[in-house]
Amino acid sequence: MSVTDPTTTITGNYFDKHQSRNPLVRALVRGYRHTLQDFVANLPVATALEIGSGEGHLIEYIHAVRTDLSWVGSDITYAMVEVGRRNVPGVSWSIHAGESLPFRNASFDVVLACEVLEHVRQPFQVMREICRVSSHYCVVSVPWEPWWRVLNMARGKYLRDWGNTPGHLNHWSRSGILRLMEADFQVKQVRLVIPWVFLVAEKRRS
């Protein structure tokens, strides 16, 4: 992993892959969706928090296989939360940054942070907060480097930045994201789904 200047961040969805009509992108997103659904389908959980919910696509994906879950979605701006609220009615929503979650300890059975940790200024603090508010599990996905940038360059994107997507402050290899998580969680599954790394982990007991 490498971390750029922590005083600078760019947020926002530059390309909504979940709504793309490109056949290749649709195939990649299908793999993303199925992996996420597989991870959560049989977890013994009833309550879930998603950090960085954006438009709410991931909550919709999981709801397709887990209609029983009680959800809180979140993002860092009022505008984005309003988009999520419109797209996914019946879900509670919160506006906050991942570095400081406004919830009590062990508030949720599972916390999801999918394509979040590449954007944040303090990934270790975000993981510490995820651990604090999770009672049992977390599910994480990040762009798998260097393949993410390689694929960007292969499609002619962000060439001056060697394929780095605007707003990606952290670049995670498989070993790098494992090191980040294993301080607070025991990783149970790792799945490499190009161009992402998915992990499901159980909270360590002190």
N, C-alpha and C. Protein backbone atom coordinates (compact mmCIF):
# COMPACT_ATOMS: atom_id res chain seq x y z
N MET A 1 0.84 -1.20 0.00
CA MET A 1 0.00 0.00 0.00
C MET A 1 0.86 1.24 0.00
N SER A 2 0.42 2.24 -0.70
CA SER A 2 1.03 3.55 -0.61
C SER A 2 -0.04 4.56 -0.29
N VAL A 3 0.31 5.60 0.45
CA VAL A 3 -0.66 6.62 0.84
C VAL A 3 -0.14 7.96 0.38
N THR A 4 -0.99 8.72 -0.33
CA THR A 4 -0.58 10.02 -0.79
C THR A 4 -0.83 11.05 0.30
N ASP A 5 -0.68 12.31 -0.06
CA ASP A 5 -0.81 13.42 0.88
C ASP A 5 -2.12 13.34 1.66
N PRO A 6 -2.08 13.13 2.99
CA PRO A 6 -3.30 12.95 3.75
C PRO A 6 -4.10 14.21 3.91
N THR A 7 -3.58 15.36 3.51
CA THR A 7 -4.35 16.60 3.64
C THR A 7 -5.24 16.84 2.43
N THR A 8 -5.15 15.96 1.44
CA THR A 8 -5.91 16.15 0.21
C THR A 8 -6.79 14.94 -0.03
N THR A 9 -8.03 15.19 -0.43
CA THR A 9 -8.92 14.09 -0.78
C THR A 9 -9.86 14.54 -1.88
N ILE A 10 -10.24 13.62 -2.72
CA ILE A 10 -11.23 13.86 -3.76
C ILE A 10 -12.29 12.80 -3.59
N THR A 11 -13.53 13.22 -3.43
CA THR A 11 -14.60 12.26 -3.27
C THR A 11 -15.54 12.35 -4.44
N GLY A 12 -16.38 11.35 -4.59
CA GLY A 12 -17.38 11.37 -5.64
C GLY A 12 -17.23 10.19 -6.57
N ASN A 13 -18.32 9.85 -7.23
CA ASN A 13 -18.35 8.74 -8.15
C ASN A 13 -18.06 9.25 -9.55
N TYR A 14 -16.85 9.01 -10.05
CA TYR A 14 -16.49 9.52 -11.37
C TYR A 14 -17.11 8.70 -12.48
N PHE A 15 -17.44 7.44 -12.22
CA PHE A 15 -18.01 6.55 -13.23
C PHE A 15 -18.92 5.57 -12.52
N ASP A 16 -20.21 5.67 -12.76
CA ASP A 16 -21.16 4.78 -12.09
C ASP A 16 -21.20 3.45 -12.83
N LYS A 17 -20.32 2.56 -12.42
CA LYS A 17 -20.22 1.26 -13.09
C LYS A 17 -21.49 0.45 -12.94
N HIS A 18 -22.23 0.67 -11.87
CA HIS A 18 -23.43 -0.13 -11.61
C HIS A 18 -24.53 0.15 -12.62
N GLN A 19 -24.48 1.31 -13.31
CA GLN A 19 -25.48 1.68 -14.30
C GLN A 19 -24.94 1.62 -15.73
N SER A 20 -23.70 1.15 -15.89
CA SER A 20 -23.08 1.15 -17.22
C SER A 20 -23.77 0.16 -18.15
N ARG A 21 -23.80 0.51 -19.43
CA ARG A 21 -24.31 -0.39 -20.46
C ARG A 21 -23.19 -1.09 -21.22
N ASN A 22 -21.94 -0.77 -20.87
CA ASN A 22 -20.80 -1.42 -21.52
C ASN A 22 -20.77 -2.90 -21.14
N PRO A 23 -20.72 -3.82 -22.12
CA PRO A 23 -20.79 -5.26 -21.81
C PRO A 23 -19.68 -5.72 -20.87
N LEU A 24 -18.45 -5.22 -21.06
CA LEU A 24 -17.36 -5.64 -20.19
C LEU A 24 -17.58 -5.15 -18.77
N VAL A 25 -17.97 -3.88 -18.63
CA VAL A 25 -18.23 -3.34 -17.29
C VAL A 25 -19.37 -4.09 -16.63
N ARG A 26 -20.40 -4.40 -17.38
CA ARG A 26 -21.53 -5.14 -16.82
C ARG A 26 -21.11 -6.51 -16.32
N ALA A 27 -20.19 -7.16 -17.06
CA ALA A 27 -19.69 -8.47 -16.63
C ALA A 27 -18.89 -8.35 -15.34
N LEU A 28 -18.04 -7.31 -15.24
CA LEU A 28 -17.27 -7.09 -14.02
C LEU A 28 -18.18 -6.81 -12.83
N VAL A 29 -19.19 -5.98 -13.05
CA VAL A 29 -20.11 -5.64 -11.97
C VAL A 29 -20.92 -6.87 -11.56
N ARG A 30 -21.24 -7.73 -12.51
CA ARG A 30 -21.96 -8.97 -12.17
C ARG A 30 -21.12 -9.83 -11.22
N GLY A 31 -19.82 -9.94 -11.49
CA GLY A 31 -18.93 -10.66 -10.58
C GLY A 31 -18.86 -10.01 -9.22
N TYR A 32 -18.82 -8.67 -9.21
CA TYR A 32 -18.81 -7.90 -7.96
C TYR A 32 -20.07 -8.21 -7.15
N ARG A 33 -21.22 -8.11 -7.82
CA ARG A 33 -22.50 -8.32 -7.14
C ARG A 33 -22.61 -9.74 -6.58
N HIS A 34 -22.26 -10.72 -7.37
CA HIS A 34 -22.40 -12.11 -6.92
C HIS A 34 -21.47 -12.41 -5.74
N THR A 35 -20.27 -11.86 -5.78
CA THR A 35 -19.34 -12.08 -4.67
C THR A 35 -19.87 -11.47 -3.39
N LEU A 36 -20.35 -10.25 -3.47
CA LEU A 36 -20.90 -9.59 -2.29
C LEU A 36 -22.10 -10.36 -1.75
N GLN A 37 -22.97 -10.80 -2.62
CA GLN A 37 -24.13 -11.56 -2.18
C GLN A 37 -23.72 -12.88 -1.53
N ASP A 38 -22.73 -13.56 -2.12
CA ASP A 38 -22.26 -14.81 -1.54
C ASP A 38 -21.71 -14.60 -0.14
N PHE A 39 -20.96 -13.51 0.05
CA PHE A 39 -20.35 -13.25 1.35
C PHE A 39 -21.41 -13.03 2.44
N VAL A 40 -22.48 -12.34 2.10
CA VAL A 40 -23.43 -11.92 3.12
C VAL A 40 -24.60 -12.89 3.26
N ALA A 41 -24.88 -13.68 2.24
CA ALA A 41 -26.10 -14.49 2.20
C ALA A 41 -26.26 -15.36 3.44
N ASN A 42 -25.17 -15.96 3.92
CA ASN A 42 -25.27 -16.91 5.03
C ASN A 42 -24.63 -16.43 6.32
N LEU A 43 -24.25 -15.14 6.38
CA LEU A 43 -23.71 -14.63 7.64
C LEU A 43 -24.81 -14.60 8.70
N PRO A 44 -24.51 -15.03 9.93
CA PRO A 44 -25.51 -15.02 11.00
C PRO A 44 -25.66 -13.62 11.60
N VAL A 45 -26.27 -12.72 10.83
CA VAL A 45 -26.39 -11.31 11.22
C VAL A 45 -27.82 -10.84 11.00
N ALA A 46 -28.20 -9.81 11.76
CA ALA A 46 -29.53 -9.22 11.62
C ALA A 46 -29.48 -7.72 11.35
N THR A 47 -28.38 -7.05 11.74
CA THR A 47 -28.25 -5.61 11.56
C THR A 47 -26.97 -5.29 10.79
N ALA A 48 -27.04 -4.28 9.93
CA ALA A 48 -25.91 -3.97 9.06
C ALA A 48 -25.77 -2.46 8.89
N LEU A 49 -24.52 -2.01 8.87
CA LEU A 49 -24.15 -0.63 8.54
C LEU A 49 -23.27 -0.67 7.30
N GLU A 50 -23.60 0.18 6.32
CA GLU A 50 -22.68 0.36 5.19
C GLU A 50 -22.09 1.75 5.25
N ILE A 51 -20.77 1.82 5.23
CA ILE A 51 -20.05 3.09 5.16
C ILE A 51 -19.81 3.42 3.69
N GLY A 52 -20.14 4.64 3.29
CA GLY A 52 -19.96 5.04 1.90
C GLY A 52 -20.95 4.38 0.97
N SER A 53 -22.23 4.49 1.31
CA SER A 53 -23.28 3.78 0.55
C SER A 53 -23.52 4.36 -0.84
N GLY A 54 -23.15 5.62 -1.04
CA GLY A 54 -23.38 6.22 -2.35
C GLY A 54 -24.85 6.17 -2.73
N GLU A 55 -25.12 5.68 -3.93
CA GLU A 55 -26.48 5.64 -4.44
C GLU A 55 -27.31 4.50 -3.88
N GLY A 56 -26.69 3.63 -3.08
CA GLY A 56 -27.43 2.54 -2.45
C GLY A 56 -27.43 1.23 -3.21
N HIS A 57 -26.58 1.12 -4.25
CA HIS A 57 -26.59 -0.09 -5.07
C HIS A 57 -26.28 -1.35 -4.26
N LEU A 58 -25.29 -1.27 -3.37
CA LEU A 58 -24.88 -2.47 -2.64
C LEU A 58 -25.97 -2.95 -1.67
N ILE A 59 -26.67 -2.01 -1.06
CA ILE A 59 -27.77 -2.40 -0.19
C ILE A 59 -28.83 -3.13 -1.01
N GLU A 60 -29.10 -2.64 -2.22
CA GLU A 60 -30.07 -3.31 -3.09
C GLU A 60 -29.59 -4.70 -3.46
N TYR A 61 -28.30 -4.85 -3.77
CA TYR A 61 -27.77 -6.18 -4.12
C TYR A 61 -27.98 -7.16 -2.97
N ILE A 62 -27.63 -6.73 -1.78
CA ILE A 62 -27.71 -7.64 -0.64
C ILE A 62 -29.17 -7.90 -0.26
N HIS A 63 -30.02 -6.89 -0.39
CA HIS A 63 -31.43 -7.07 -0.08
C HIS A 63 -32.05 -8.17 -0.94
N ALA A 64 -31.51 -8.37 -2.14
CA ALA A 64 -32.03 -9.41 -3.02
C ALA A 64 -31.86 -10.81 -2.44
N VAL A 65 -30.87 -10.99 -1.56
CA VAL A 65 -30.63 -12.31 -0.96
C VAL A 65 -30.84 -12.32 0.55
N ARG A 66 -30.99 -11.13 1.16
CA ARG A 66 -31.19 -11.02 2.61
C ARG A 66 -32.24 -9.95 2.91
N THR A 67 -33.50 -10.29 2.71
CA THR A 67 -34.57 -9.32 2.96
C THR A 67 -34.78 -9.06 4.44
N ASP A 68 -34.15 -9.87 5.30
CA ASP A 68 -34.37 -9.76 6.74
C ASP A 68 -33.49 -8.73 7.42
N LEU A 69 -32.46 -8.21 6.73
CA LEU A 69 -31.50 -7.35 7.40
C LEU A 69 -32.07 -5.96 7.68
N SER A 70 -31.76 -5.44 8.86
CA SER A 70 -32.07 -4.06 9.22
C SER A 70 -30.85 -3.21 8.91
N TRP A 71 -31.01 -2.20 8.03
CA TRP A 71 -29.89 -1.46 7.47
C TRP A 71 -29.79 -0.04 7.97
N VAL A 72 -28.55 0.43 8.10
CA VAL A 72 -28.24 1.86 8.13
C VAL A 72 -27.25 2.11 7.00
N GLY A 73 -27.62 3.02 6.10
CA GLY A 73 -26.71 3.44 5.05
C GLY A 73 -26.09 4.78 5.42
N SER A 74 -24.95 5.10 4.83
CA SER A 74 -24.28 6.34 5.20
C SER A 74 -23.42 6.86 4.07
N ASP A 75 -23.17 8.17 4.11
CA ASP A 75 -22.19 8.78 3.23
C ASP A 75 -21.78 10.10 3.85
N ILE A 76 -20.85 10.81 3.19
CA ILE A 76 -20.25 11.98 3.85
C ILE A 76 -20.94 13.29 3.51
N THR A 77 -21.88 13.28 2.55
CA THR A 77 -22.57 14.53 2.18
C THR A 77 -24.07 14.33 2.22
N TYR A 78 -24.77 15.41 2.52
CA TYR A 78 -26.23 15.39 2.53
C TYR A 78 -26.77 15.04 1.14
N ALA A 79 -26.17 15.61 0.09
CA ALA A 79 -26.65 15.36 -1.26
C ALA A 79 -26.60 13.88 -1.61
N MET A 80 -25.48 13.20 -1.28
CA MET A 80 -25.37 11.79 -1.60
C MET A 80 -26.33 10.94 -0.78
N VAL A 81 -26.48 11.29 0.49
CA VAL A 81 -27.42 10.55 1.32
C VAL A 81 -28.84 10.70 0.80
N GLU A 82 -29.19 11.87 0.28
CA GLU A 82 -30.52 12.05 -0.29
C GLU A 82 -30.73 11.18 -1.52
N VAL A 83 -29.69 11.02 -2.34
CA VAL A 83 -29.79 10.12 -3.48
C VAL A 83 -30.04 8.68 -3.00
N GLY A 84 -29.26 8.24 -2.02
CA GLY A 84 -29.46 6.91 -1.48
C GLY A 84 -30.83 6.73 -0.87
N ARG A 85 -31.29 7.74 -0.16
CA ARG A 85 -32.61 7.66 0.47
C ARG A 85 -33.72 7.50 -0.57
N ARG A 86 -33.59 8.20 -1.69
CA ARG A 86 -34.60 8.08 -2.75
C ARG A 86 -34.54 6.71 -3.42
N ASN A 87 -33.32 6.20 -3.63
CA ASN A 87 -33.17 4.93 -4.34
C ASN A 87 -33.53 3.73 -3.48
N VAL A 88 -33.29 3.82 -2.18
CA VAL A 88 -33.50 2.67 -1.29
C VAL A 88 -34.38 3.12 -0.13
N PRO A 89 -35.67 3.23 -0.33
CA PRO A 89 -36.56 3.63 0.75
C PRO A 89 -36.64 2.53 1.81
N GLY A 90 -36.98 2.93 3.03
CA GLY A 90 -37.09 1.96 4.10
C GLY A 90 -35.80 1.67 4.83
N VAL A 91 -34.72 2.37 4.44
CA VAL A 91 -33.42 2.22 5.08
C VAL A 91 -33.13 3.49 5.88
N SER A 92 -32.59 3.33 7.09
CA SER A 92 -32.14 4.50 7.85
C SER A 92 -30.85 5.02 7.24
N TRP A 93 -30.65 6.36 7.31
CA TRP A 93 -29.47 6.97 6.69
C TRP A 93 -28.79 7.91 7.67
N SER A 94 -27.47 8.01 7.52
CA SER A 94 -26.67 8.85 8.40
C SER A 94 -25.60 9.56 7.57
N ILE A 95 -25.28 10.80 7.96
CA ILE A 95 -24.22 11.57 7.31
C ILE A 95 -23.02 11.62 8.24
N HIS A 96 -21.91 11.02 7.82
CA HIS A 96 -20.71 11.05 8.66
C HIS A 96 -19.51 10.57 7.86
N ALA A 97 -18.34 10.83 8.38
CA ALA A 97 -17.09 10.31 7.83
C ALA A 97 -16.73 9.01 8.54
N GLY A 98 -16.04 8.13 7.83
CA GLY A 98 -15.68 6.85 8.40
C GLY A 98 -14.72 6.92 9.57
N GLU A 99 -13.98 8.03 9.66
CA GLU A 99 -13.01 8.16 10.75
C GLU A 99 -13.66 8.42 12.10
N SER A 100 -14.95 8.80 12.10
CA SER A 100 -15.64 9.11 13.36
C SER A 100 -17.11 8.72 13.22
N LEU A 101 -17.44 7.50 13.56
CA LEU A 101 -18.80 7.00 13.38
C LEU A 101 -19.66 7.33 14.59
N PRO A 102 -20.86 7.86 14.36
CA PRO A 102 -21.69 8.34 15.47
C PRO A 102 -22.56 7.23 16.07
N PHE A 103 -21.96 6.07 16.32
CA PHE A 103 -22.72 4.95 16.85
C PHE A 103 -22.02 4.37 18.08
N ARG A 104 -22.79 3.74 18.92
CA ARG A 104 -22.23 3.13 20.12
C ARG A 104 -21.43 1.88 19.76
N ASN A 105 -20.60 1.45 20.68
CA ASN A 105 -19.82 0.23 20.47
C ASN A 105 -20.74 -0.95 20.16
N ALA A 106 -20.29 -1.79 19.23
CA ALA A 106 -20.99 -3.04 18.90
C ALA A 106 -22.45 -2.80 18.52
N SER A 107 -22.71 -1.75 17.74
CA SER A 107 -24.07 -1.42 17.35
C SER A 107 -24.62 -2.28 16.22
N PHE A 108 -23.73 -2.87 15.41
CA PHE A 108 -24.17 -3.59 14.22
C PHE A 108 -23.50 -4.97 14.16
N ASP A 109 -24.25 -5.96 13.69
CA ASP A 109 -23.69 -7.29 13.54
C ASP A 109 -22.62 -7.33 12.47
N VAL A 110 -22.80 -6.55 11.39
CA VAL A 110 -21.82 -6.51 10.31
C VAL A 110 -21.71 -5.08 9.80
N VAL A 111 -20.49 -4.67 9.49
CA VAL A 111 -20.22 -3.37 8.89
C VAL A 111 -19.57 -3.60 7.53
N LEU A 112 -20.09 -2.92 6.51
CA LEU A 112 -19.54 -3.02 5.17
C LEU A 112 -18.83 -1.73 4.80
N ALA A 113 -17.65 -1.87 4.20
CA ALA A 113 -16.91 -0.73 3.66
C ALA A 113 -16.35 -1.18 2.30
N CYS A 114 -17.15 -1.00 1.27
CA CYS A 114 -16.81 -1.48 -0.06
C CYS A 114 -16.41 -0.30 -0.94
N GLU A 115 -15.19 -0.36 -1.45
CA GLU A 115 -14.60 0.73 -2.23
C GLU A 115 -14.64 2.05 -1.46
N VAL A 116 -14.20 1.96 -0.24
CA VAL A 116 -14.12 3.12 0.65
C VAL A 116 -12.67 3.40 1.04
N LEU A 117 -11.93 2.37 1.39
CA LEU A 117 -10.61 2.55 2.01
C LEU A 117 -9.57 3.12 1.06
N GLU A 118 -9.83 3.11 -0.23
CA GLU A 118 -8.91 3.76 -1.16
C GLU A 118 -9.09 5.27 -1.16
N HIS A 119 -10.20 5.76 -0.61
CA HIS A 119 -10.52 7.19 -0.65
C HIS A 119 -10.17 7.94 0.63
N VAL A 120 -10.02 7.24 1.74
CA VAL A 120 -9.98 7.93 3.03
C VAL A 120 -8.56 8.38 3.38
N ARG A 121 -8.49 9.44 4.18
CA ARG A 121 -7.20 9.99 4.59
C ARG A 121 -6.54 9.14 5.66
N GLN A 122 -7.35 8.47 6.50
CA GLN A 122 -6.81 7.72 7.64
C GLN A 122 -7.40 6.31 7.64
N PRO A 123 -6.92 5.42 6.77
CA PRO A 123 -7.51 4.08 6.70
C PRO A 123 -7.42 3.29 7.99
N PHE A 124 -6.33 3.49 8.76
CA PHE A 124 -6.21 2.75 10.03
C PHE A 124 -7.28 3.20 11.02
N GLN A 125 -7.56 4.50 11.05
CA GLN A 125 -8.60 5.01 11.93
C GLN A 125 -9.98 4.52 11.49
N VAL A 126 -10.22 4.47 10.19
CA VAL A 126 -11.51 3.96 9.70
C VAL A 126 -11.70 2.51 10.12
N MET A 127 -10.67 1.69 9.98
CA MET A 127 -10.79 0.29 10.38
C MET A 127 -10.99 0.16 11.88
N ARG A 128 -10.35 1.01 12.65
CA ARG A 128 -10.54 0.98 14.10
C ARG A 128 -11.99 1.32 14.45
N GLU A 129 -12.57 2.29 13.75
CA GLU A 129 -13.97 2.64 13.98
C GLU A 129 -14.91 1.51 13.54
N ILE A 130 -14.60 0.88 12.42
CA ILE A 130 -15.40 -0.27 11.98
C ILE A 130 -15.39 -1.35 13.05
N CYS A 131 -14.23 -1.61 13.59
CA CYS A 131 -14.11 -2.62 14.65
C CYS A 131 -14.93 -2.21 15.88
N ARG A 132 -14.88 -0.96 16.22
CA ARG A 132 -15.59 -0.50 17.42
C ARG A 132 -17.10 -0.68 17.30
N VAL A 133 -17.68 -0.33 16.14
CA VAL A 133 -19.14 -0.38 16.03
C VAL A 133 -19.66 -1.73 15.57
N SER A 134 -18.77 -2.61 15.13
CA SER A 134 -19.17 -3.96 14.75
C SER A 134 -19.19 -4.88 15.97
N SER A 135 -20.21 -5.70 16.05
CA SER A 135 -20.23 -6.69 17.12
C SER A 135 -19.63 -8.01 16.67
N HIS A 136 -19.60 -8.28 15.36
CA HIS A 136 -19.10 -9.57 14.90
C HIS A 136 -18.27 -9.50 13.61
N TYR A 137 -18.81 -8.92 12.54
CA TYR A 137 -18.20 -9.09 11.22
C TYR A 137 -17.98 -7.76 10.52
N CYS A 138 -17.10 -7.80 9.51
CA CYS A 138 -17.01 -6.73 8.54
C CYS A 138 -16.79 -7.34 7.16
N VAL A 139 -17.25 -6.64 6.15
CA VAL A 139 -17.04 -7.02 4.75
C VAL A 139 -16.40 -5.82 4.07
N VAL A 140 -15.28 -6.06 3.40
CA VAL A 140 -14.50 -4.98 2.78
C VAL A 140 -14.18 -5.36 1.34
N SER A 141 -14.25 -4.37 0.45
CA SER A 141 -13.68 -4.55 -0.88
C SER A 141 -12.88 -3.31 -1.23
N VAL A 142 -11.80 -3.53 -1.98
CA VAL A 142 -10.95 -2.43 -2.46
C VAL A 142 -10.49 -2.75 -3.87
N PRO A 143 -10.18 -1.72 -4.67
CA PRO A 143 -9.55 -1.99 -5.96
C PRO A 143 -8.23 -2.74 -5.76
N TRP A 144 -8.03 -3.78 -6.54
CA TRP A 144 -6.85 -4.63 -6.42
C TRP A 144 -5.74 -4.05 -7.28
N GLU A 145 -4.72 -3.54 -6.61
CA GLU A 145 -3.59 -2.95 -7.31
C GLU A 145 -2.46 -3.97 -7.45
N PRO A 146 -1.72 -3.89 -8.56
CA PRO A 146 -1.74 -2.81 -9.58
C PRO A 146 -2.75 -3.02 -10.70
N TRP A 147 -3.57 -4.10 -10.61
CA TRP A 147 -4.44 -4.43 -11.73
C TRP A 147 -5.46 -3.34 -12.02
N TRP A 148 -5.93 -2.64 -10.98
CA TRP A 148 -6.90 -1.58 -11.20
C TRP A 148 -6.33 -0.52 -12.15
N ARG A 149 -5.11 -0.08 -11.86
CA ARG A 149 -4.50 0.95 -12.70
C ARG A 149 -4.13 0.41 -14.08
N VAL A 150 -3.70 -0.84 -14.13
CA VAL A 150 -3.38 -1.45 -15.42
C VAL A 150 -4.61 -1.46 -16.32
N LEU A 151 -5.76 -1.83 -15.77
CA LEU A 151 -6.98 -1.87 -16.57
C LEU A 151 -7.42 -0.47 -16.97
N ASN A 152 -7.25 0.50 -16.07
CA ASN A 152 -7.57 1.88 -16.45
C ASN A 152 -6.73 2.32 -17.64
N MET A 153 -5.43 2.03 -17.60
CA MET A 153 -4.56 2.43 -18.69
C MET A 153 -4.88 1.67 -19.97
N ALA A 154 -5.28 0.41 -19.83
CA ALA A 154 -5.63 -0.39 -21.00
C ALA A 154 -6.83 0.19 -21.73
N ARG A 155 -7.72 0.88 -21.00
CA ARG A 155 -8.87 1.51 -21.65
C ARG A 155 -8.62 3.00 -21.92
N GLY A 156 -7.36 3.42 -21.75
CA GLY A 156 -6.98 4.78 -22.11
C GLY A 156 -7.38 5.83 -21.11
N LYS A 157 -7.57 5.47 -19.83
CA LYS A 157 -8.03 6.41 -18.82
C LYS A 157 -6.89 6.78 -17.87
N TYR A 158 -6.83 8.06 -17.50
CA TYR A 158 -5.94 8.59 -16.46
C TYR A 158 -4.48 8.27 -16.76
N LEU A 159 -4.10 8.39 -18.02
CA LEU A 159 -2.75 7.99 -18.43
C LEU A 159 -1.69 8.84 -17.77
N ARG A 160 -1.95 10.15 -17.59
CA ARG A 160 -0.95 11.01 -16.98
C ARG A 160 -0.68 10.64 -15.53
N ASP A 161 -1.66 9.99 -14.89
CA ASP A 161 -1.51 9.55 -13.50
C ASP A 161 -1.27 8.06 -13.39
N TRP A 162 -0.77 7.46 -14.47
CA TRP A 162 -0.47 6.03 -14.48
C TRP A 162 -1.68 5.20 -14.07
N GLY A 163 -2.84 5.61 -14.56
CA GLY A 163 -4.05 4.82 -14.34
C GLY A 163 -4.72 5.03 -13.01
N ASN A 164 -4.22 5.96 -12.21
CA ASN A 164 -4.82 6.15 -10.88
C ASN A 164 -6.12 6.94 -11.00
N THR A 165 -7.20 6.36 -10.51
CA THR A 165 -8.50 7.02 -10.54
C THR A 165 -8.48 8.24 -9.63
N PRO A 166 -9.00 9.38 -10.09
CA PRO A 166 -9.08 10.56 -9.21
C PRO A 166 -9.79 10.22 -7.90
N GLY A 167 -9.19 10.64 -6.80
CA GLY A 167 -9.77 10.37 -5.49
C GLY A 167 -9.22 9.15 -4.80
N HIS A 168 -8.43 8.33 -5.50
CA HIS A 168 -7.81 7.17 -4.86
C HIS A 168 -6.52 7.62 -4.16
N LEU A 169 -6.59 7.74 -2.86
CA LEU A 169 -5.44 8.16 -2.07
C LEU A 169 -4.58 6.99 -1.63
N ASN A 170 -5.18 5.81 -1.55
CA ASN A 170 -4.48 4.61 -1.09
C ASN A 170 -4.58 3.54 -2.17
N HIS A 171 -3.51 2.77 -2.33
CA HIS A 171 -3.45 1.74 -3.36
C HIS A 171 -3.18 0.40 -2.68
N TRP A 172 -4.19 -0.49 -2.73
CA TRP A 172 -4.15 -1.69 -1.91
C TRP A 172 -3.80 -2.92 -2.73
N SER A 173 -2.75 -3.60 -2.34
CA SER A 173 -2.49 -4.95 -2.80
C SER A 173 -3.24 -5.92 -1.88
N ARG A 174 -3.27 -7.18 -2.25
CA ARG A 174 -3.89 -8.18 -1.39
C ARG A 174 -3.22 -8.21 -0.03
N SER A 175 -1.89 -8.24 0.00
CA SER A 175 -1.18 -8.32 1.27
C SER A 175 -1.37 -7.04 2.09
N GLY A 176 -1.45 -5.88 1.40
CA GLY A 176 -1.61 -4.62 2.12
C GLY A 176 -2.94 -4.52 2.83
N ILE A 177 -4.03 -4.91 2.19
CA ILE A 177 -5.33 -4.82 2.84
C ILE A 177 -5.45 -5.86 3.94
N LEU A 178 -4.82 -7.02 3.77
CA LEU A 178 -4.81 -8.01 4.84
C LEU A 178 -4.10 -7.48 6.07
N ARG A 179 -2.96 -6.81 5.88
CA ARG A 179 -2.24 -6.26 7.03
C ARG A 179 -3.08 -5.22 7.75
N LEU A 180 -3.79 -4.40 7.00
CA LEU A 180 -4.63 -3.37 7.62
C LEU A 180 -5.71 -4.00 8.49
N MET A 181 -6.35 -5.03 7.99
CA MET A 181 -7.50 -5.59 8.67
C MET A 181 -7.14 -6.49 9.84
N GLU A 182 -6.00 -7.18 9.74
CA GLU A 182 -5.71 -8.22 10.71
C GLU A 182 -5.35 -7.69 12.09
N ALA A 183 -5.18 -6.40 12.25
CA ALA A 183 -4.96 -5.85 13.59
C ALA A 183 -6.20 -6.01 14.46
N ASP A 184 -7.38 -5.88 13.84
CA ASP A 184 -8.62 -5.90 14.60
C ASP A 184 -9.56 -7.04 14.23
N PHE A 185 -9.33 -7.67 13.08
CA PHE A 185 -10.23 -8.71 12.59
C PHE A 185 -9.44 -9.95 12.18
N GLN A 186 -10.08 -11.09 12.28
CA GLN A 186 -9.53 -12.32 11.73
C GLN A 186 -10.21 -12.56 10.39
N VAL A 187 -9.43 -12.49 9.32
CA VAL A 187 -9.98 -12.61 7.98
C VAL A 187 -10.37 -14.07 7.73
N LYS A 188 -11.63 -14.26 7.34
CA LYS A 188 -12.17 -15.61 7.13
C LYS A 188 -12.14 -16.01 5.66
N GLN A 189 -12.37 -15.04 4.78
CA GLN A 189 -12.37 -15.34 3.35
C GLN A 189 -11.73 -14.18 2.60
N VAL A 190 -10.97 -14.52 1.58
CA VAL A 190 -10.43 -13.53 0.65
C VAL A 190 -10.78 -14.02 -0.75
N ARG A 191 -11.34 -13.14 -1.54
CA ARG A 191 -11.67 -13.51 -2.91
C ARG A 191 -11.17 -12.43 -3.84
N LEU A 192 -10.40 -12.84 -4.83
CA LEU A 192 -9.86 -11.93 -5.83
C LEU A 192 -10.77 -11.98 -7.05
N VAL A 193 -11.48 -10.90 -7.26
CA VAL A 193 -12.42 -10.80 -8.38
C VAL A 193 -11.97 -9.58 -9.19
N ILE A 194 -11.20 -9.81 -10.22
CA ILE A 194 -10.60 -8.70 -10.97
C ILE A 194 -11.66 -7.68 -11.36
N PRO A 195 -11.42 -6.39 -11.02
CA PRO A 195 -10.19 -5.83 -10.43
C PRO A 195 -10.36 -5.46 -8.95
N TRP A 196 -10.98 -6.34 -8.14
CA TRP A 196 -11.21 -6.05 -6.73
C TRP A 196 -10.69 -7.17 -5.84
N VAL A 197 -10.40 -6.81 -4.59
CA VAL A 197 -10.17 -7.78 -3.53
C VAL A 197 -11.34 -7.68 -2.56
N PHE A 198 -11.98 -8.82 -2.28
CA PHE A 198 -13.07 -8.88 -1.31
C PHE A 198 -12.61 -9.68 -0.09
N LEU A 199 -13.01 -9.21 1.09
CA LEU A 199 -12.67 -9.90 2.33
C LEU A 199 -13.87 -9.90 3.26
N VAL A 200 -14.10 -11.00 3.94
CA VAL A 200 -15.04 -11.05 5.05
C VAL A 200 -14.25 -11.47 6.27
N ALA A 201 -14.47 -10.78 7.39
CA ALA A 201 -13.62 -10.99 8.57
C ALA A 201 -14.47 -10.94 9.83
N GLU A 202 -13.98 -11.61 10.86
CA GLU A 202 -14.65 -11.67 12.15
C GLU A 202 -13.84 -10.90 13.18
N LYS A 203 -14.54 -10.16 13.99
CA LYS A 203 -13.89 -9.31 15.00
C LYS A 203 -13.11 -10.14 16.00
N ARG A 204 -11.88 -9.72 16.28
CA ARG A 204 -11.08 -10.41 17.30
C ARG A 204 -11.62 -10.10 18.68
N ARG A 205 -11.61 -11.08 19.54
CA ARG A 205 -12.07 -10.91 20.91
C ARG A 205 -10.88 -10.66 21.81
N SER A 206 -10.94 -9.62 22.62
CA SER A 206 -9.81 -9.27 23.51
C SER A 206 -9.85 -10.14 24.74
